């Protein structure tokens, strides 16, 4: 039997100083992050061993700490920093993130802007 399993963490709220406008980098703004993580979950599944899976409480804590330190112009750069820190800390086979700027300061626009990034370790 072939089964694909991944862990999904939804709606991580992050406040970060990211944006082209000076005000965005000075005061910061709200971002929403969804994270998808692929790894070998079989060891945890068979033994119910918490040490054999991803501690997503630590992941959320790391990302919130990082968001307080980030300072850049683009969500592309911010998303890359997120991928790098997840990859460095957790050594997963595949990571997918959806980073959303919740209230981009664009006149006449009340939508959201997202970037989707996927990192695969071969």
PDB file of N, CA and C in Angstrom:
ATOM      1  N   UNK A   1       0.851  -1.181   0.000  1.00  0.00           N
ATOM      2  CA  UNK A   1       0.000   0.000   0.000  1.00  0.00           C
ATOM      3  C   UNK A   1       0.897   1.245   0.000  1.00  0.00           C
ATOM      4  N   UNK A   2       0.569   2.210  -0.825  1.00  0.00           N
ATOM      5  CA  UNK A   2       1.304   3.463  -0.909  1.00  0.00           C
ATOM      6  C   UNK A   2       0.438   4.579  -0.332  1.00  0.00           C
ATOM      7  N   UNK A   3       0.933   5.243   0.714  1.00  0.00           N
ATOM      8  CA  UNK A   3       0.143   6.288   1.356  1.00  0.00           C
ATOM      9  C   UNK A   3       1.002   7.535   1.522  1.00  0.00           C
ATOM     10  N   UNK A   4       0.468   8.674   1.116  1.00  0.00           N
ATOM     11  CA  UNK A   4       1.152   9.942   1.351  1.00  0.00           C
ATOM     12  C   UNK A   4       0.536  10.590   2.587  1.00  0.00           C
ATOM     13  N   UNK A   5       1.391  10.997   3.508  1.00  0.00           N
ATOM     14  CA  UNK A   5       0.929  11.636   4.734  1.00  0.00           C
ATOM     15  C   UNK A   5       1.697  12.930   4.935  1.00  0.00           C
ATOM     16  N   UNK A   6       0.991  13.977   5.293  1.00  0.00           N
ATOM     17  CA  UNK A   6       1.653  15.226   5.649  1.00  0.00           C
ATOM     18  C   UNK A   6       0.874  15.879   6.781  1.00  0.00           C
ATOM     19  N   UNK A   7       1.580  16.722   7.495  1.00  0.00           N
ATOM     20  CA  UNK A   7       1.002  17.457   8.609  1.00  0.00           C
ATOM     21  C   UNK A   7       0.674  18.861   8.125  1.00  0.00           C
ATOM     22  N   UNK A   8      -0.526  19.340   8.413  1.00  0.00           N
ATOM     23  CA  UNK A   8      -0.943  20.676   7.997  1.00  0.00           C
ATOM     24  C   UNK A   8      -1.208  21.512   9.238  1.00  0.00           C
ATOM     25  N   UNK A   9      -0.582  22.668   9.294  1.00  0.00           N
ATOM     26  CA  UNK A   9      -0.793  23.613  10.385  1.00  0.00           C
ATOM     27  C   UNK A   9      -1.380  24.865   9.747  1.00  0.00           C
ATOM     28  N   UNK A  10      -2.583  25.210  10.152  1.00  0.00           N
ATOM     29  CA  UNK A  10      -3.309  26.300   9.496  1.00  0.00           C
ATOM     30  C   UNK A  10      -3.384  27.560  10.354  1.00  0.00           C
ATOM     31  N   UNK A  11      -3.440  28.675   9.658  1.00  0.00           N
ATOM     32  CA  UNK A  11      -3.748  29.975  10.237  1.00  0.00           C
ATOM     33  C   UNK A  11      -2.835  30.378  11.387  1.00  0.00           C
ATOM     34  N   UNK A  12      -1.544  30.254  11.161  1.00  0.00           N
ATOM     35  CA  UNK A  12      -0.579  30.784  12.122  1.00  0.00           C
ATOM     36  C   UNK A  12      -0.555  32.296  11.902  1.00  0.00           C
ATOM     37  N   UNK A  13      -0.944  33.048  12.903  1.00  0.00           N
ATOM     38  CA  UNK A  13      -0.977  34.505  12.798  1.00  0.00           C
ATOM     39  C   UNK A  13       0.393  35.062  13.159  1.00  0.00           C
ATOM     40  N   UNK A  14       0.974  35.834  12.248  1.00  0.00           N
ATOM     41  CA  UNK A  14       2.290  36.422  12.453  1.00  0.00           C
ATOM     42  C   UNK A  14       2.229  37.925  12.209  1.00  0.00           C
ATOM     43  N   UNK A  15       2.868  38.683  13.061  1.00  0.00           N
ATOM     44  CA  UNK A  15       2.979  40.126  12.879  1.00  0.00           C
ATOM     45  C   UNK A  15       4.420  40.396  12.476  1.00  0.00           C
ATOM     46  N   UNK A  16       4.617  40.926  11.271  1.00  0.00           N
ATOM     47  CA  UNK A  16       5.977  41.111  10.765  1.00  0.00           C
ATOM     48  C   UNK A  16       6.113  42.452  10.057  1.00  0.00           C
ATOM     49  N   UNK A  17       7.352  42.942  10.038  1.00  0.00           N
ATOM     50  CA  UNK A  17       7.664  44.219   9.388  1.00  0.00           C
ATOM     51  C   UNK A  17       8.165  43.944   7.973  1.00  0.00           C
ATOM     52  N   UNK A  18       7.191  43.728   7.090  1.00  0.00           N
ATOM     53  CA  UNK A  18       7.488  43.375   5.702  1.00  0.00           C
ATOM     54  C   UNK A  18       6.629  44.245   4.796  1.00  0.00           C
ATOM     55  N   UNK A  19       7.251  44.887   3.823  1.00  0.00           N
ATOM     56  CA  UNK A  19       6.482  45.670   2.864  1.00  0.00           C
ATOM     57  C   UNK A  19       7.332  46.723   2.186  1.00  0.00           C
ATOM     58  N   UNK A  20       6.854  47.188   1.066  1.00  0.00           N
ATOM     59  CA  UNK A  20       7.557  48.199   0.293  1.00  0.00           C
ATOM     60  C   UNK A  20       7.443  49.570   0.957  1.00  0.00           C
ATOM     61  N   UNK A  21       6.292  49.855   1.542  1.00  0.00           N
ATOM     62  CA  UNK A  21       6.093  51.150   2.191  1.00  0.00           C
ATOM     63  C   UNK A  21       6.835  51.204   3.526  1.00  0.00           C
ATOM     64  N   UNK A  22       7.410  52.375   3.831  1.00  0.00           N
ATOM     65  CA  UNK A  22       8.126  52.558   5.103  1.00  0.00           C
ATOM     66  C   UNK A  22       7.242  52.199   6.290  1.00  0.00           C
ATOM     67  N   UNK A  23       5.979  52.593   6.241  1.00  0.00           N
ATOM     68  CA  UNK A  23       5.047  52.334   7.340  1.00  0.00           C
ATOM     69  C   UNK A  23       4.878  50.830   7.595  1.00  0.00           C
ATOM     70  N   UNK A  24       4.862  50.046   6.532  1.00  0.00           N
ATOM     71  CA  UNK A  24       4.726  48.593   6.677  1.00  0.00           C
ATOM     72  C   UNK A  24       5.909  48.001   7.454  1.00  0.00           C
ATOM     73  N   UNK A  25       7.100  48.538   7.198  1.00  0.00           N
ATOM     74  CA  UNK A  25       8.287  48.026   7.877  1.00  0.00           C
ATOM     75  C   UNK A  25       8.458  48.640   9.263  1.00  0.00           C
ATOM     76  N   UNK A  26       7.876  49.800   9.499  1.00  0.00           N
ATOM     77  CA  UNK A  26       7.995  50.433  10.819  1.00  0.00           C
ATOM     78  C   UNK A  26       7.019  49.830  11.818  1.00  0.00           C
ATOM     79  N   UNK A  27       5.750  49.754  11.436  1.00  0.00           N
ATOM     80  CA  UNK A  27       4.735  49.279  12.386  1.00  0.00           C
ATOM     81  C   UNK A  27       4.422  47.797  12.220  1.00  0.00           C
ATOM     82  N   UNK A  28       4.710  47.254  11.057  1.00  0.00           N
ATOM     83  CA  UNK A  28       4.401  45.851  10.805  1.00  0.00           C
ATOM     84  C   UNK A  28       2.957  45.650  10.393  1.00  0.00           C
ATOM     85  N   UNK A  29       2.640  44.404  10.095  1.00  0.00           N
ATOM     86  CA  UNK A  29       1.278  44.075   9.687  1.00  0.00           C
ATOM     87  C   UNK A  29       1.037  42.581   9.866  1.00  0.00           C
ATOM     88  N   UNK A  30      -0.220  42.211   9.748  1.00  0.00           N
ATOM     89  CA  UNK A  30      -0.633  40.837   9.985  1.00  0.00           C
ATOM     90  C   UNK A  30      -0.421  39.957   8.756  1.00  0.00           C
ATOM     91  N   UNK A  31       0.168  38.796   9.007  1.00  0.00           N
ATOM     92  CA  UNK A  31       0.314  37.753   8.003  1.00  0.00           C
ATOM     93  C   UNK A  31      -0.344  36.486   8.528  1.00  0.00           C
ATOM     94  N   UNK A  32      -0.817  35.677   7.608  1.00  0.00           N
ATOM     95  CA  UNK A  32      -1.379  34.367   7.938  1.00  0.00           C
ATOM     96  C   UNK A  32      -0.510  33.327   7.235  1.00  0.00           C
ATOM     97  N   UNK A  33      -0.171  32.253   7.959  1.00  0.00           N
ATOM     98  CA  UNK A  33       0.704  31.239   7.386  1.00  0.00           C
ATOM     99  C   UNK A  33       0.080  29.862   7.542  1.00  0.00           C
ATOM    100  N   UNK A  34       0.030  29.128   6.436  1.00  0.00           N
ATOM    101  CA  UNK A  34      -0.332  27.709   6.447  1.00  0.00           C
ATOM    102  C   UNK A  34       0.922  26.933   6.079  1.00  0.00           C
ATOM    103  N   UNK A  35       1.195  25.864   6.823  1.00  0.00           N
ATOM    104  CA  UNK A  35       2.393  25.066   6.628  1.00  0.00           C
ATOM    105  C   UNK A  35       1.997  23.610   6.420  1.00  0.00           C
ATOM    106  N   UNK A  36       2.605  22.976   5.422  1.00  0.00           N
ATOM    107  CA  UNK A  36       2.400  21.559   5.132  1.00  0.00           C
ATOM    108  C   UNK A  36       3.759  20.883   5.250  1.00  0.00           C
ATOM    109  N   UNK A  37       3.843  19.807   6.032  1.00  0.00           N
ATOM    110  CA  UNK A  37       5.122  19.161   6.310  1.00  0.00           C
ATOM    111  C   UNK A  37       5.077  17.681   5.968  1.00  0.00           C
ATOM    112  N   UNK A  38       6.045  17.232   5.179  1.00  0.00           N
ATOM    113  CA  UNK A  38       6.162  15.817   4.824  1.00  0.00           C
ATOM    114  C   UNK A  38       7.393  15.238   5.516  1.00  0.00           C
ATOM    115  N   UNK A  39       7.218  14.114   6.173  1.00  0.00           N
ATOM    116  CA  UNK A  39       8.318  13.372   6.768  1.00  0.00           C
ATOM    117  C   UNK A  39       7.849  11.937   6.964  1.00  0.00           C
ATOM    118  N   UNK A  40       8.683  11.101   7.506  1.00  0.00           N
ATOM    119  CA  UNK A  40       8.299   9.721   7.774  1.00  0.00           C
ATOM    120  C   UNK A  40       7.538   9.673   9.100  1.00  0.00           C
ATOM    121  N   UNK A  41       6.222   9.581   9.022  1.00  0.00           N
ATOM    122  CA  UNK A  41       5.389   9.548  10.218  1.00  0.00           C
ATOM    123  C   UNK A  41       5.159   8.119  10.732  1.00  0.00           C
ATOM    124  N   UNK A  42       5.702   7.126  10.038  1.00  0.00           N
ATOM    125  CA  UNK A  42       5.446   5.727  10.407  1.00  0.00           C
ATOM    126  C   UNK A  42       5.951   5.367  11.800  1.00  0.00           C
ATOM    127  N   UNK A  43       7.119   5.871  12.174  1.00  0.00           N
ATOM    128  CA  UNK A  43       7.670   5.554  13.505  1.00  0.00           C
ATOM    129  C   UNK A  43       6.764   6.082  14.605  1.00  0.00           C
ATOM    130  N   UNK A  44       6.238   7.260  14.412  1.00  0.00           N
ATOM    131  CA  UNK A  44       5.298   7.815  15.390  1.00  0.00           C
ATOM    132  C   UNK A  44       3.980   7.053  15.358  1.00  0.00           C
ATOM    133  N   UNK A  45       3.543   6.714  14.162  1.00  0.00           N
ATOM    134  CA  UNK A  45       2.274   6.001  14.008  1.00  0.00           C
ATOM    135  C   UNK A  45       2.307   4.637  14.694  1.00  0.00           C
ATOM    136  N   UNK A  46       3.385   3.909  14.513  1.00  0.00           N
ATOM    137  CA  UNK A  46       3.452   2.562  15.085  1.00  0.00           C
ATOM    138  C   UNK A  46       3.720   2.562  16.591  1.00  0.00           C
ATOM    139  N   UNK A  47       4.497   3.517  17.078  1.00  0.00           N
ATOM    140  CA  UNK A  47       4.868   3.527  18.500  1.00  0.00           C
ATOM    141  C   UNK A  47       4.188   4.610  19.325  1.00  0.00           C
ATOM    142  N   UNK A  48       3.463   5.492  18.670  1.00  0.00           N
ATOM    143  CA  UNK A  48       2.836   6.624  19.349  1.00  0.00           C
ATOM    144  C   UNK A  48       3.878   7.432  20.132  1.00  0.00           C
ATOM    145  N   UNK A  49       5.054   7.602  19.512  1.00  0.00           N
ATOM    146  CA  UNK A  49       6.182   8.269  20.151  1.00  0.00           C
ATOM    147  C   UNK A  49       6.260   9.713  19.679  1.00  0.00           C
ATOM    148  N   UNK A  50       6.023  10.637  20.587  1.00  0.00           N
ATOM    149  CA  UNK A  50       6.012  12.062  20.265  1.00  0.00           C
ATOM    150  C   UNK A  50       7.366  12.543  19.720  1.00  0.00           C
ATOM    151  N   UNK A  51       8.437  11.878  20.117  1.00  0.00           N
ATOM    152  CA  UNK A  51       9.775  12.274  19.666  1.00  0.00           C
ATOM    153  C   UNK A  51      10.034  11.877  18.221  1.00  0.00           C
ATOM    154  N   UNK A  52       9.154  11.094  17.626  1.00  0.00           N
ATOM    155  CA  UNK A  52       9.321  10.616  16.250  1.00  0.00           C
ATOM    156  C   UNK A  52       8.442  11.374  15.263  1.00  0.00           C
ATOM    157  N   UNK A  53       7.949  12.521  15.693  1.00  0.00           N
ATOM    158  CA  UNK A  53       7.130  13.332  14.800  1.00  0.00           C
ATOM    159  C   UNK A  53       7.559  14.791  14.922  1.00  0.00           C
ATOM    160  N   UNK A  54       6.858  15.685  14.268  1.00  0.00           N
ATOM    161  CA  UNK A  54       7.160  17.109  14.296  1.00  0.00           C
ATOM    162  C   UNK A  54       6.413  17.734  15.473  1.00  0.00           C
ATOM    163  N   UNK A  55       7.148  18.399  16.346  1.00  0.00           N
ATOM    164  CA  UNK A  55       6.529  19.125  17.456  1.00  0.00           C
ATOM    165  C   UNK A  55       6.040  20.465  16.918  1.00  0.00           C
ATOM    166  N   UNK A  56       4.782  20.505  16.515  1.00  0.00           N
ATOM    167  CA  UNK A  56       4.275  21.709  15.864  1.00  0.00           C
ATOM    168  C   UNK A  56       4.128  22.873  16.825  1.00  0.00           C
ATOM    169  N   UNK A  57       4.066  22.620  18.139  1.00  0.00           N
ATOM    170  CA  UNK A  57       4.045  23.743  19.089  1.00  0.00           C
ATOM    171  C   UNK A  57       5.384  24.479  19.050  1.00  0.00           C
ATOM    172  N   UNK A  58       6.476  23.738  18.918  1.00  0.00           N
ATOM    173  CA  UNK A  58       7.806  24.361  18.786  1.00  0.00           C
ATOM    174  C   UNK A  58       7.923  25.105  17.460  1.00  0.00           C
ATOM    175  N   UNK A  59       7.375  24.521  16.403  1.00  0.00           N
ATOM    176  CA  UNK A  59       7.413  25.161  15.095  1.00  0.00           C
ATOM    177  C   UNK A  59       6.708  26.511  15.134  1.00  0.00           C
ATOM    178  N   UNK A  60       5.527  26.560  15.719  1.00  0.00           N
ATOM    179  CA  UNK A  60       4.780  27.819  15.805  1.00  0.00           C
ATOM    180  C   UNK A  60       5.562  28.839  16.633  1.00  0.00           C
ATOM    181  N   UNK A  61       6.135  28.405  17.735  1.00  0.00           N
ATOM    182  CA  UNK A  61       6.926  29.298  18.589  1.00  0.00           C
ATOM    183  C   UNK A  61       8.126  29.870  17.834  1.00  0.00           C
ATOM    184  N   UNK A  62       8.832  29.031  17.087  1.00  0.00           N
ATOM    185  CA  UNK A  62       9.988  29.476  16.297  1.00  0.00           C
ATOM    186  C   UNK A  62       9.562  30.506  15.252  1.00  0.00           C
ATOM    187  N   UNK A  63       8.454  30.254  14.582  1.00  0.00           N
ATOM    188  CA  UNK A  63       7.983  31.171  13.541  1.00  0.00           C
ATOM    189  C   UNK A  63       7.531  32.503  14.128  1.00  0.00           C
ATOM    190  N   UNK A  64       6.889  32.477  15.282  1.00  0.00           N
ATOM    191  CA  UNK A  64       6.473  33.729  15.933  1.00  0.00           C
ATOM    192  C   UNK A  64       7.698  34.532  16.387  1.00  0.00           C
ATOM    193  N   UNK A  65       8.708  33.853  16.921  1.00  0.00           N
ATOM    194  CA  UNK A  65       9.947  34.542  17.300  1.00  0.00           C
ATOM    195  C   UNK A  65      10.609  35.167  16.076  1.00  0.00           C
ATOM    196  N   UNK A  66      10.671  34.413  14.988  1.00  0.00           N
ATOM    197  CA  UNK A  66      11.285  34.906  13.758  1.00  0.00           C
ATOM    198  C   UNK A  66      10.537  36.128  13.225  1.00  0.00           C
ATOM    199  N   UNK A  67       9.212  36.116  13.313  1.00  0.00           N
ATOM    200  CA  UNK A  67       8.413  37.225  12.759  1.00  0.00           C
ATOM    201  C   UNK A  67       8.723  38.544  13.457  1.00  0.00           C
ATOM    202  N   UNK A  68       9.125  38.483  14.718  1.00  0.00           N
ATOM    203  CA  UNK A  68       9.478  39.710  15.448  1.00  0.00           C
ATOM    204  C   UNK A  68      10.818  40.272  14.991  1.00  0.00           C
ATOM    205  N   UNK A  69      11.639  39.444  14.359  1.00  0.00           N
ATOM    206  CA  UNK A  69      12.982  39.853  13.934  1.00  0.00           C
ATOM    207  C   UNK A  69      13.071  40.240  12.460  1.00  0.00           C
ATOM    208  N   UNK A  70      12.111  39.791  11.660  1.00  0.00           N
ATOM    209  CA  UNK A  70      12.196  39.984  10.207  1.00  0.00           C
ATOM    210  C   UNK A  70      11.959  41.446   9.839  1.00  0.00           C
ATOM    211  N   UNK A  71      12.668  41.904   8.833  1.00  0.00           N
ATOM    212  CA  UNK A  71      12.542  43.269   8.333  1.00  0.00           C
ATOM    213  C   UNK A  71      12.963  43.225   6.871  1.00  0.00           C
ATOM    214  N   UNK A  72      11.985  43.265   5.950  1.00  0.00           N
ATOM    215  CA  UNK A  72      12.320  43.197   4.526  1.00  0.00           C
ATOM    216  C   UNK A  72      11.211  43.827   3.692  1.00  0.00           C
ATOM    217  N   UNK A  73      11.464  43.940   2.401  1.00  0.00           N
ATOM    218  CA  UNK A  73      10.533  44.595   1.479  1.00  0.00           C
ATOM    219  C   UNK A  73       9.446  43.675   0.941  1.00  0.00           C
ATOM    220  N   UNK A  74       9.768  42.391   0.708  1.00  0.00           N
ATOM    221  CA  UNK A  74       8.847  41.535  -0.051  1.00  0.00           C
ATOM    222  C   UNK A  74       8.417  40.283   0.711  1.00  0.00           C
ATOM    223  N   UNK A  75       7.223  39.801   0.378  1.00  0.00           N
ATOM    224  CA  UNK A  75       6.786  38.536   0.962  1.00  0.00           C
ATOM    225  C   UNK A  75       7.587  37.373   0.362  1.00  0.00           C
ATOM    226  N   UNK A  76       8.173  37.596  -0.802  1.00  0.00           N
ATOM    227  CA  UNK A  76       9.030  36.570  -1.384  1.00  0.00           C
ATOM    228  C   UNK A  76      10.235  36.307  -0.467  1.00  0.00           C
ATOM    229  N   UNK A  77      10.883  37.368  -0.020  1.00  0.00           N
ATOM    230  CA  UNK A  77      12.034  37.234   0.887  1.00  0.00           C
ATOM    231  C   UNK A  77      11.601  36.646   2.224  1.00  0.00           C
ATOM    232  N   UNK A  78      10.483  37.125   2.759  1.00  0.00           N
ATOM    233  CA  UNK A  78       9.978  36.621   4.039  1.00  0.00           C
ATOM    234  C   UNK A  78       9.641  35.136   3.932  1.00  0.00           C
ATOM    235  N   UNK A  79       8.990  34.737   2.839  1.00  0.00           N
ATOM    236  CA  UNK A  79       8.641  33.325   2.670  1.00  0.00           C
ATOM    237  C   UNK A  79       9.891  32.456   2.588  1.00  0.00           C
ATOM    238  N   UNK A  80      10.938  32.964   1.954  1.00  0.00           N
ATOM    239  CA  UNK A  80      12.188  32.217   1.871  1.00  0.00           C
ATOM    240  C   UNK A  80      12.813  32.049   3.264  1.00  0.00           C
ATOM    241  N   UNK A  81      12.751  33.080   4.079  1.00  0.00           N
ATOM    242  CA  UNK A  81      13.276  32.996   5.447  1.00  0.00           C
ATOM    243  C   UNK A  81      12.501  31.960   6.262  1.00  0.00           C
ATOM    244  N   UNK A  82      11.196  31.890   6.053  1.00  0.00           N
ATOM    245  CA  UNK A  82      10.366  30.898   6.744  1.00  0.00           C
ATOM    246  C   UNK A  82      10.769  29.485   6.325  1.00  0.00           C
ATOM    247  N   UNK A  83      10.892  29.272   5.020  1.00  0.00           N
ATOM    248  CA  UNK A  83      11.309  27.946   4.525  1.00  0.00           C
ATOM    249  C   UNK A  83      12.669  27.549   5.090  1.00  0.00           C
ATOM    250  N   UNK A  84      13.601  28.485   5.101  1.00  0.00           N
ATOM    251  CA  UNK A  84      14.950  28.182   5.594  1.00  0.00           C
ATOM    252  C   UNK A  84      14.943  27.775   7.063  1.00  0.00           C
ATOM    253  N   UNK A  85      14.201  28.480   7.890  1.00  0.00           N
ATOM    254  CA  UNK A  85      14.207  28.166   9.322  1.00  0.00           C
ATOM    255  C   UNK A  85      13.513  26.827   9.595  1.00  0.00           C
ATOM    256  N   UNK A  86      12.427  26.541   8.873  1.00  0.00           N
ATOM    257  CA  UNK A  86      11.759  25.238   9.045  1.00  0.00           C
ATOM    258  C   UNK A  86      12.686  24.114   8.605  1.00  0.00           C
ATOM    259  N   UNK A  87      13.323  24.297   7.447  1.00  0.00           N
ATOM    260  CA  UNK A  87      14.219  23.268   6.918  1.00  0.00           C
ATOM    261  C   UNK A  87      15.394  23.022   7.866  1.00  0.00           C
ATOM    262  N   UNK A  88      15.968  24.083   8.379  1.00  0.00           N
ATOM    263  CA  UNK A  88      17.130  23.965   9.274  1.00  0.00           C
ATOM    264  C   UNK A  88      16.764  23.264  10.585  1.00  0.00           C
ATOM    265  N   UNK A  89      15.629  23.594  11.145  1.00  0.00           N
ATOM    266  CA  UNK A  89      15.253  23.071  12.470  1.00  0.00           C
ATOM    267  C   UNK A  89      14.673  21.663  12.419  1.00  0.00           C
ATOM    268  N   UNK A  90      13.996  21.302  11.323  1.00  0.00           N
ATOM    269  CA  UNK A  90      13.227  20.058  11.330  1.00  0.00           C
ATOM    270  C   UNK A  90      13.660  19.013  10.307  1.00  0.00           C
ATOM    271  N   UNK A  91      14.470  19.349   9.324  1.00  0.00           N
ATOM    272  CA  UNK A  91      15.001  18.376   8.363  1.00  0.00           C
ATOM    273  C   UNK A  91      13.915  17.467   7.773  1.00  0.00           C
ATOM    274  N   UNK A  92      12.996  18.067   7.064  1.00  0.00           N
ATOM    275  CA  UNK A  92      11.864  17.338   6.489  1.00  0.00           C
ATOM    276  C   UNK A  92      12.111  17.018   5.024  1.00  0.00           C
ATOM    277  N   UNK A  93      11.350  16.063   4.495  1.00  0.00           N
ATOM    278  CA  UNK A  93      11.523  15.715   3.088  1.00  0.00           C
ATOM    279  C   UNK A  93      10.886  16.748   2.156  1.00  0.00           C
ATOM    280  N   UNK A  94       9.815  17.389   2.614  1.00  0.00           N
ATOM    281  CA  UNK A  94       9.134  18.379   1.769  1.00  0.00           C
ATOM    282  C   UNK A  94       8.403  19.361   2.678  1.00  0.00           C
ATOM    283  N   UNK A  95       8.426  20.631   2.277  1.00  0.00           N
ATOM    284  CA  UNK A  95       7.738  21.693   3.012  1.00  0.00           C
ATOM    285  C   UNK A  95       6.986  22.542   1.997  1.00  0.00           C
ATOM    286  N   UNK A  96       5.748  22.831   2.304  1.00  0.00           N
ATOM    287  CA  UNK A  96       4.958  23.759   1.487  1.00  0.00           C
ATOM    288  C   UNK A  96       4.414  24.819   2.426  1.00  0.00           C
ATOM    289  N   UNK A  97       4.517  26.077   2.027  1.00  0.00           N
ATOM    290  CA  UNK A  97       3.938  27.148   2.834  1.00  0.00           C
ATOM    291  C   UNK A  97       3.060  28.040   1.958  1.00  0.00           C
ATOM    292  N   UNK A  98       2.047  28.588   2.584  1.00  0.00           N
ATOM    293  CA  UNK A  98       1.228  29.627   1.962  1.00  0.00           C
ATOM    294  C   UNK A  98       1.285  30.813   2.914  1.00  0.00           C
ATOM    295  N   UNK A  99       1.983  31.866   2.500  1.00  0.00           N
ATOM    296  CA  UNK A  99       2.136  33.075   3.309  1.00  0.00           C
ATOM    297  C   UNK A  99       1.227  34.145   2.723  1.00  0.00           C
ATOM    298  N   UNK A 100       0.342  34.670   3.561  1.00  0.00           N
ATOM    299  CA  UNK A 100      -0.663  35.628   3.102  1.00  0.00           C
ATOM    300  C   UNK A 100      -0.521  36.954   3.833  1.00  0.00           C
ATOM    301  N   UNK A 101      -0.444  38.020   3.048  1.00  0.00           N
ATOM    302  CA  UNK A 101      -0.496  39.381   3.599  1.00  0.00           C
ATOM    303  C   UNK A 101      -1.978  39.706   3.709  1.00  0.00           C
ATOM    304  N   UNK A 102      -2.466  39.849   4.929  1.00  0.00           N
ATOM    305  CA  UNK A 102      -3.912  39.932   5.162  1.00  0.00           C
ATOM    306  C   UNK A 102      -4.549  41.242   4.718  1.00  0.00           C
ATOM    307  N   UNK A 103      -3.816  42.344   4.840  1.00  0.00           N
ATOM    308  CA  UNK A 103      -4.387  43.657   4.496  1.00  0.00           C
ATOM    309  C   UNK A 103      -3.360  44.485   3.725  1.00  0.00           C
ATOM    310  N   UNK A 104      -3.066  44.105   2.498  1.00  0.00           N
ATOM    311  CA  UNK A 104      -2.073  44.878   1.741  1.00  0.00           C
ATOM    312  C   UNK A 104      -2.583  46.304   1.488  1.00  0.00           C
ATOM    313  N   UNK A 105      -1.710  47.290   1.674  1.00  0.00           N
ATOM    314  CA  UNK A 105      -2.134  48.686   1.517  1.00  0.00           C
ATOM    315  C   UNK A 105      -2.192  49.116   0.053  1.00  0.00           C
ATOM    316  N   UNK A 106      -3.221  48.630  -0.634  1.00  0.00           N
ATOM    317  CA  UNK A 106      -3.409  48.955  -2.042  1.00  0.00           C
ATOM    318  C   UNK A 106      -4.752  49.672  -2.163  1.00  0.00           C
ATOM    319  N   UNK A 107      -4.731  50.877  -2.677  1.00  0.00           N
ATOM    320  CA  UNK A 107      -5.948  51.676  -2.803  1.00  0.00           C
ATOM    321  C   UNK A 107      -7.000  50.939  -3.635  1.00  0.00           C
ATOM    322  N   UNK A 108      -8.220  50.868  -3.102  1.00  0.00           N
ATOM    323  CA  UNK A 108      -9.329  50.248  -3.816  1.00  0.00           C
ATOM    324  C   UNK A 108      -9.293  48.729  -3.838  1.00  0.00           C
ATOM    325  N   UNK A 109      -8.448  48.125  -3.016  1.00  0.00           N
ATOM    326  CA  UNK A 109      -8.306  46.662  -2.989  1.00  0.00           C
ATOM    327  C   UNK A 109      -8.506  46.178  -1.567  1.00  0.00           C
ATOM    328  N   UNK A 110      -9.474  45.286  -1.370  1.00  0.00           N
ATOM    329  CA  UNK A 110      -9.698  44.778  -0.010  1.00  0.00           C
ATOM    330  C   UNK A 110      -9.457  43.273   0.084  1.00  0.00           C
ATOM    331  N   UNK A 111      -8.710  42.746  -0.859  1.00  0.00           N
ATOM    332  CA  UNK A 111      -8.380  41.319  -0.857  1.00  0.00           C
ATOM    333  C   UNK A 111      -7.094  41.031  -0.103  1.00  0.00           C
ATOM    334  N   UNK A 112      -6.578  39.852  -0.324  1.00  0.00           N
ATOM    335  CA  UNK A 112      -5.345  39.395   0.295  1.00  0.00           C
ATOM    336  C   UNK A 112      -4.363  39.008  -0.798  1.00  0.00           C
ATOM    337  N   UNK A 113      -3.085  38.973  -0.445  1.00  0.00           N
ATOM    338  CA  UNK A 113      -2.053  38.563  -1.382  1.00  0.00           C
ATOM    339  C   UNK A 113      -1.271  37.424  -0.744  1.00  0.00           C
ATOM    340  N   UNK A 114      -1.088  36.326  -1.483  1.00  0.00           N
ATOM    341  CA  UNK A 114      -0.382  35.160  -0.949  1.00  0.00           C
ATOM    342  C   UNK A 114       0.735  34.729  -1.882  1.00  0.00           C
ATOM    343  N   UNK A 115       1.739  34.115  -1.283  1.00  0.00           N
ATOM    344  CA  UNK A 115       2.773  33.429  -2.044  1.00  0.00           C
ATOM    345  C   UNK A 115       2.791  31.977  -1.573  1.00  0.00           C
ATOM    346  N   UNK A 116       2.913  31.083  -2.518  1.00  0.00           N
ATOM    347  CA  UNK A 116       2.980  29.653  -2.203  1.00  0.00           C
ATOM    348  C   UNK A 116       4.374  29.182  -2.593  1.00  0.00           C
ATOM    349  N   UNK A 117       5.055  28.554  -1.633  1.00  0.00           N
ATOM    350  CA  UNK A 117       6.411  28.066  -1.875  1.00  0.00           C
ATOM    351  C   UNK A 117       6.499  26.601  -1.481  1.00  0.00           C
ATOM    352  N   UNK A 118       7.252  25.829  -2.225  1.00  0.00           N
ATOM    353  CA  UNK A 118       7.457  24.415  -1.933  1.00  0.00           C
ATOM    354  C   UNK A 118       8.955  24.136  -1.984  1.00  0.00           C
ATOM    355  N   UNK A 119       9.454  23.489  -0.935  1.00  0.00           N
ATOM    356  CA  UNK A 119      10.857  23.088  -0.875  1.00  0.00           C
ATOM    357  C   UNK A 119      10.891  21.576  -0.738  1.00  0.00           C
ATOM    358  N   UNK A 120      11.628  20.925  -1.628  1.00  0.00           N
ATOM    359  CA  UNK A 120      11.778  19.468  -1.557  1.00  0.00           C
ATOM    360  C   UNK A 120      13.240  19.124  -1.363  1.00  0.00           C
ATOM    361  N   UNK A 121      13.506  18.297  -0.384  1.00  0.00           N
ATOM    362  CA  UNK A 121      14.855  17.781  -0.149  1.00  0.00           C
ATOM    363  C   UNK A 121      14.940  16.390  -0.766  1.00  0.00           C
ATOM    364  N   UNK A 122      15.828  16.233  -1.704  1.00  0.00           N
ATOM    365  CA  UNK A 122      15.958  14.942  -2.402  1.00  0.00           C
ATOM    366  C   UNK A 122      16.968  14.067  -1.711  1.00  0.00           C
TER     367      UNK A 122
END
